[in-house]
C-alpha atoms as a PDB file:
ATOM      1  CA  MET A   1     -13.105 -33.169 -12.769  1.00  0.00           C
ATOM      2  CA  SER A   2     -14.146 -34.567  -9.397  1.00  0.00           C
ATOM      3  CA  THR A   3     -16.573 -32.766  -7.108  1.00  0.00           C
ATOM      4  CA  ILE A   4     -13.868 -32.228  -4.474  1.00  0.00           C
ATOM      5  CA  VAL A   5     -11.562 -30.601  -7.024  1.00  0.00           C
ATOM      6  CA  ARG A   6     -14.398 -28.340  -8.222  1.00  0.00           C
ATOM      7  CA  ILE A   7     -15.230 -27.272  -4.663  1.00  0.00           C
ATOM      8  CA  ALA A   8     -11.560 -26.547  -3.926  1.00  0.00           C
ATOM      9  CA  LEU A   9     -11.294 -24.483  -7.120  1.00  0.00           C
ATOM     10  CA  VAL A  10     -14.420 -22.461  -6.282  1.00  0.00           C
ATOM     11  CA  LEU A  11     -13.181 -21.820  -2.723  1.00  0.00           C
ATOM     12  CA  ALA A  12      -9.783 -20.683  -4.044  1.00  0.00           C
ATOM     13  CA  LEU A  13     -11.446 -18.259  -6.468  1.00  0.00           C
ATOM     14  CA  LEU A  14     -13.752 -16.904  -3.762  1.00  0.00           C
ATOM     15  CA  SER A  15     -10.872 -16.313  -1.345  1.00  0.00           C
ATOM     16  CA  THR A  16      -9.039 -14.374  -4.043  1.00  0.00           C
ATOM     17  CA  ALA A  17     -12.156 -12.278  -4.717  1.00  0.00           C
ATOM     18  CA  VAL A  18     -12.445 -11.394  -1.022  1.00  0.00           C
ATOM     19  CA  PHE A  19      -9.021  -9.748  -1.088  1.00  0.00           C
ATOM     20  CA  ALA A  20      -9.514  -8.079  -4.472  1.00  0.00           C
ATOM     21  CA  GLU A  21     -10.670  -4.881  -2.786  1.00  0.00           C
ATOM     22  CA  ASP A  22     -10.289  -1.628  -4.680  1.00  0.00           C
ATOM     23  CA  ILE A  23      -8.259   0.720  -2.468  1.00  0.00           C
ATOM     24  CA  SER A  24      -9.016   3.829  -4.552  1.00  0.00           C
ATOM     25  CA  GLY A  25      -9.603   6.911  -2.435  1.00  0.00           C
ATOM     26  CA  LYS A  26      -8.037   8.984   0.339  1.00  0.00           C
ATOM     27  CA  TRP A  27      -6.075   7.217   3.079  1.00  0.00           C
ATOM     28  CA  ILE A  28      -4.458   8.463   6.289  1.00  0.00           C
ATOM     29  CA  PHE A  29      -1.412   6.492   7.421  1.00  0.00           C
ATOM     30  CA  ASN A  30       0.150   6.345  10.869  1.00  0.00           C
ATOM     31  CA  VAL A  31       3.879   5.845  10.315  1.00  0.00           C
ATOM     32  CA  GLU A  32       6.334   4.923  13.094  1.00  0.00           C
ATOM     33  CA  THR A  33      10.099   5.308  12.633  1.00  0.00           C
ATOM     34  CA  THR A  34      12.999   5.319  15.079  1.00  0.00           C
ATOM     35  CA  ALA A  35      13.151   9.090  14.526  1.00  0.00           C
ATOM     36  CA  GLY A  36       9.464   9.664  15.329  1.00  0.00           C
ATOM     37  CA  SER A  37       6.037   9.317  13.808  1.00  0.00           C
ATOM     38  CA  GLY A  38       3.953  10.961  11.115  1.00  0.00           C
ATOM     39  CA  THR A  39       0.539  10.906   9.463  1.00  0.00           C
ATOM     40  CA  PRO A  40       0.952  11.231   5.696  1.00  0.00           C
ATOM     41  CA  THR A  41      -2.033  11.306   3.364  1.00  0.00           C
ATOM     42  CA  PHE A  42      -2.222   9.118   0.279  1.00  0.00           C
ATOM     43  CA  VAL A  43      -4.743   9.306  -2.538  1.00  0.00           C
ATOM     44  CA  PHE A  44      -4.858   6.079  -4.544  1.00  0.00           C
ATOM     45  CA  LYS A  45      -6.387   5.263  -7.903  1.00  0.00           C
ATOM     46  CA  GLN A  46      -6.530   1.558  -8.646  1.00  0.00           C
ATOM     47  CA  ASP A  47      -7.115   0.128 -12.124  1.00  0.00           C
ATOM     48  CA  GLY A  48      -6.949  -3.669 -11.845  1.00  0.00           C
ATOM     49  CA  GLU A  49      -3.525  -4.404 -10.362  1.00  0.00           C
ATOM     50  CA  LYS A  50      -2.116  -0.990 -11.357  1.00  0.00           C
ATOM     51  CA  LEU A  51      -1.919   1.652  -8.640  1.00  0.00           C
ATOM     52  CA  THR A  52      -1.252   5.386  -9.106  1.00  0.00           C
ATOM     53  CA  GLY A  53      -1.832   8.372  -6.897  1.00  0.00           C
ATOM     54  CA  SER A  54      -0.193  10.940  -4.667  1.00  0.00           C
ATOM     55  CA  TYR A  55       1.613  11.303  -1.352  1.00  0.00           C
ATOM     56  CA  ASN A  56       1.508  14.345   0.934  1.00  0.00           C
ATOM     57  CA  GLY A  57       3.547  14.341   4.142  1.00  0.00           C
ATOM     58  CA  THR A  58       6.927  15.021   5.736  1.00  0.00           C
ATOM     59  CA  PHE A  59       8.719  14.745   2.389  1.00  0.00           C
ATOM     60  CA  GLY A  60       6.357  17.198   0.664  1.00  0.00           C
ATOM     61  CA  SER A  61       4.147  16.017  -2.193  1.00  0.00           C
ATOM     62  CA  ALA A  62       4.899  13.376  -4.805  1.00  0.00           C
ATOM     63  CA  GLU A  63       3.238  11.189  -7.397  1.00  0.00           C
ATOM     64  CA  LEU A  64       3.300   7.468  -6.647  1.00  0.00           C
ATOM     65  CA  LYS A  65       2.917   4.236  -8.553  1.00  0.00           C
ATOM     66  CA  GLY A  66       2.595   0.625  -7.537  1.00  0.00           C
ATOM     67  CA  THR A  67       0.586  -2.573  -7.621  1.00  0.00           C
ATOM     68  CA  VAL A  68      -2.189  -4.390  -5.793  1.00  0.00           C
ATOM     69  CA  LYS A  69      -2.053  -8.166  -6.153  1.00  0.00           C
ATOM     70  CA  GLY A  70      -4.628  -9.973  -4.057  1.00  0.00           C
ATOM     71  CA  SER A  71      -4.137  -8.651  -0.534  1.00  0.00           C
ATOM     72  CA  ASP A  72      -0.565  -7.452  -1.259  1.00  0.00           C
ATOM     73  CA  VAL A  73       0.013  -3.768  -1.912  1.00  0.00           C
ATOM     74  CA  GLU A  74       3.281  -2.097  -2.915  1.00  0.00           C
ATOM     75  CA  PHE A  75       3.892   1.472  -4.019  1.00  0.00           C
ATOM     76  CA  SER A  76       6.724   3.968  -4.217  1.00  0.00           C
ATOM     77  CA  PHE A  77       7.542   7.603  -4.828  1.00  0.00           C
ATOM     78  CA  GLU A  78      10.695   9.664  -5.169  1.00  0.00           C
ATOM     79  CA  THR A  79      11.677  12.482  -2.851  1.00  0.00           C
ATOM     80  CA  THR A  80      14.609  14.824  -2.357  1.00  0.00           C
ATOM     81  CA  VAL A  81      16.039  15.482   1.100  1.00  0.00           C
ATOM     82  CA  GLY A  82      18.739  18.137   0.949  1.00  0.00           C
ATOM     83  CA  ASP A  83      20.723  17.237  -2.167  1.00  0.00           C
ATOM     84  CA  GLN A  84      19.947  13.527  -1.945  1.00  0.00           C
ATOM     85  CA  LYS A  85      17.270  11.892  -4.093  1.00  0.00           C
ATOM     86  CA  SER A  86      15.651   8.894  -2.493  1.00  0.00           C
ATOM     87  CA  LYS A  87      13.046   6.293  -3.451  1.00  0.00           C
ATOM     88  CA  VAL A  88      10.516   5.529  -0.726  1.00  0.00           C
ATOM     89  CA  VAL A  89       8.919   2.071  -0.958  1.00  0.00           C
ATOM     90  CA  TYR A  90       5.833   0.977   0.996  1.00  0.00           C
ATOM     91  CA  LYS A  91       4.855  -2.717   1.163  1.00  0.00           C
ATOM     92  CA  GLY A  92       1.914  -4.163   3.017  1.00  0.00           C
ATOM     93  CA  LYS A  93      -1.260  -6.178   3.225  1.00  0.00           C
ATOM     94  CA  ILE A  94      -4.883  -5.165   2.856  1.00  0.00           C
ATOM     95  CA  GLU A  95      -6.512  -6.425   6.055  1.00  0.00           C
ATOM     96  CA  GLY A  96     -10.116  -5.690   5.158  1.00  0.00           C
ATOM     97  CA  PRO A  97     -12.347  -2.885   3.967  1.00  0.00           C
ATOM     98  CA  GLY A  98     -10.537   0.378   4.637  1.00  0.00           C
ATOM     99  CA  LYS A  99      -7.583  -1.122   6.558  1.00  0.00           C
ATOM    100  CA  MET A 100      -4.025  -2.057   5.629  1.00  0.00           C
ATOM    101  CA  LYS A 101      -0.609  -2.240   7.284  1.00  0.00           C
ATOM    102  CA  GLY A 102       3.006  -2.889   6.431  1.00  0.00           C
ATOM    103  CA  SER A 103       6.528  -1.518   6.344  1.00  0.00           C
ATOM    104  CA  ALA A 104       8.371   1.212   4.477  1.00  0.00           C
ATOM    105  CA  ASP A 105      11.945   1.647   3.294  1.00  0.00           C
ATOM    106  CA  TYR A 106      13.073   5.254   2.988  1.00  0.00           C
ATOM    107  CA  GLY A 107      15.962   4.485   0.636  1.00  0.00           C
ATOM    108  CA  GLY A 108      18.877   4.866   3.034  1.00  0.00           C
ATOM    109  CA  LEU A 109      17.080   7.331   5.303  1.00  0.00           C
ATOM    110  CA  GLY A 110      15.542   4.656   7.548  1.00  0.00           C
ATOM    111  CA  GLU A 111      12.705   2.191   7.838  1.00  0.00           C
ATOM    112  CA  ALA A 112       9.214   2.332   9.305  1.00  0.00           C
ATOM    113  CA  THR A 113       6.058   0.419  10.070  1.00  0.00           C
ATOM    114  CA  TRP A 114       2.650   1.791   9.134  1.00  0.00           C
ATOM    115  CA  THR A 115      -1.081   1.314   9.367  1.00  0.00           C
ATOM    116  CA  GLY A 116      -3.532   2.911   6.967  1.00  0.00           C
ATOM    117  CA  SER A 117      -7.212   3.801   7.226  1.00  0.00           C
ATOM    118  CA  LYS A 118      -9.413   4.781   4.303  1.00  0.00           C
ATOM    119  CA  GLN A 119     -11.263   8.060   4.801  1.00  0.00           C
END
């Protein structure tokens, strides 16, 4: 293997390690929708790429599950509004220690953008 290839491989591995942050802990999100804004709380537990935890906000409380792959994070939970069950899906990017942002799909109830800060 040439020296250039080795250096490129090491740099690729290091860049992956930089984004392999463990997001476990309590997070406060600022969520903006066309209907208004909110500040739900999430508690995450990360085990490798597996993500579990809880949501507490406008839709009550719910258990969540998802994944963290590099800087990409995705998680979801189910909620009931009236008689309608809905799956809420958050997708985003980890931007650095204690910061992430992305978008959310409220399963037919609307969409949102969000930023999150670790507490």
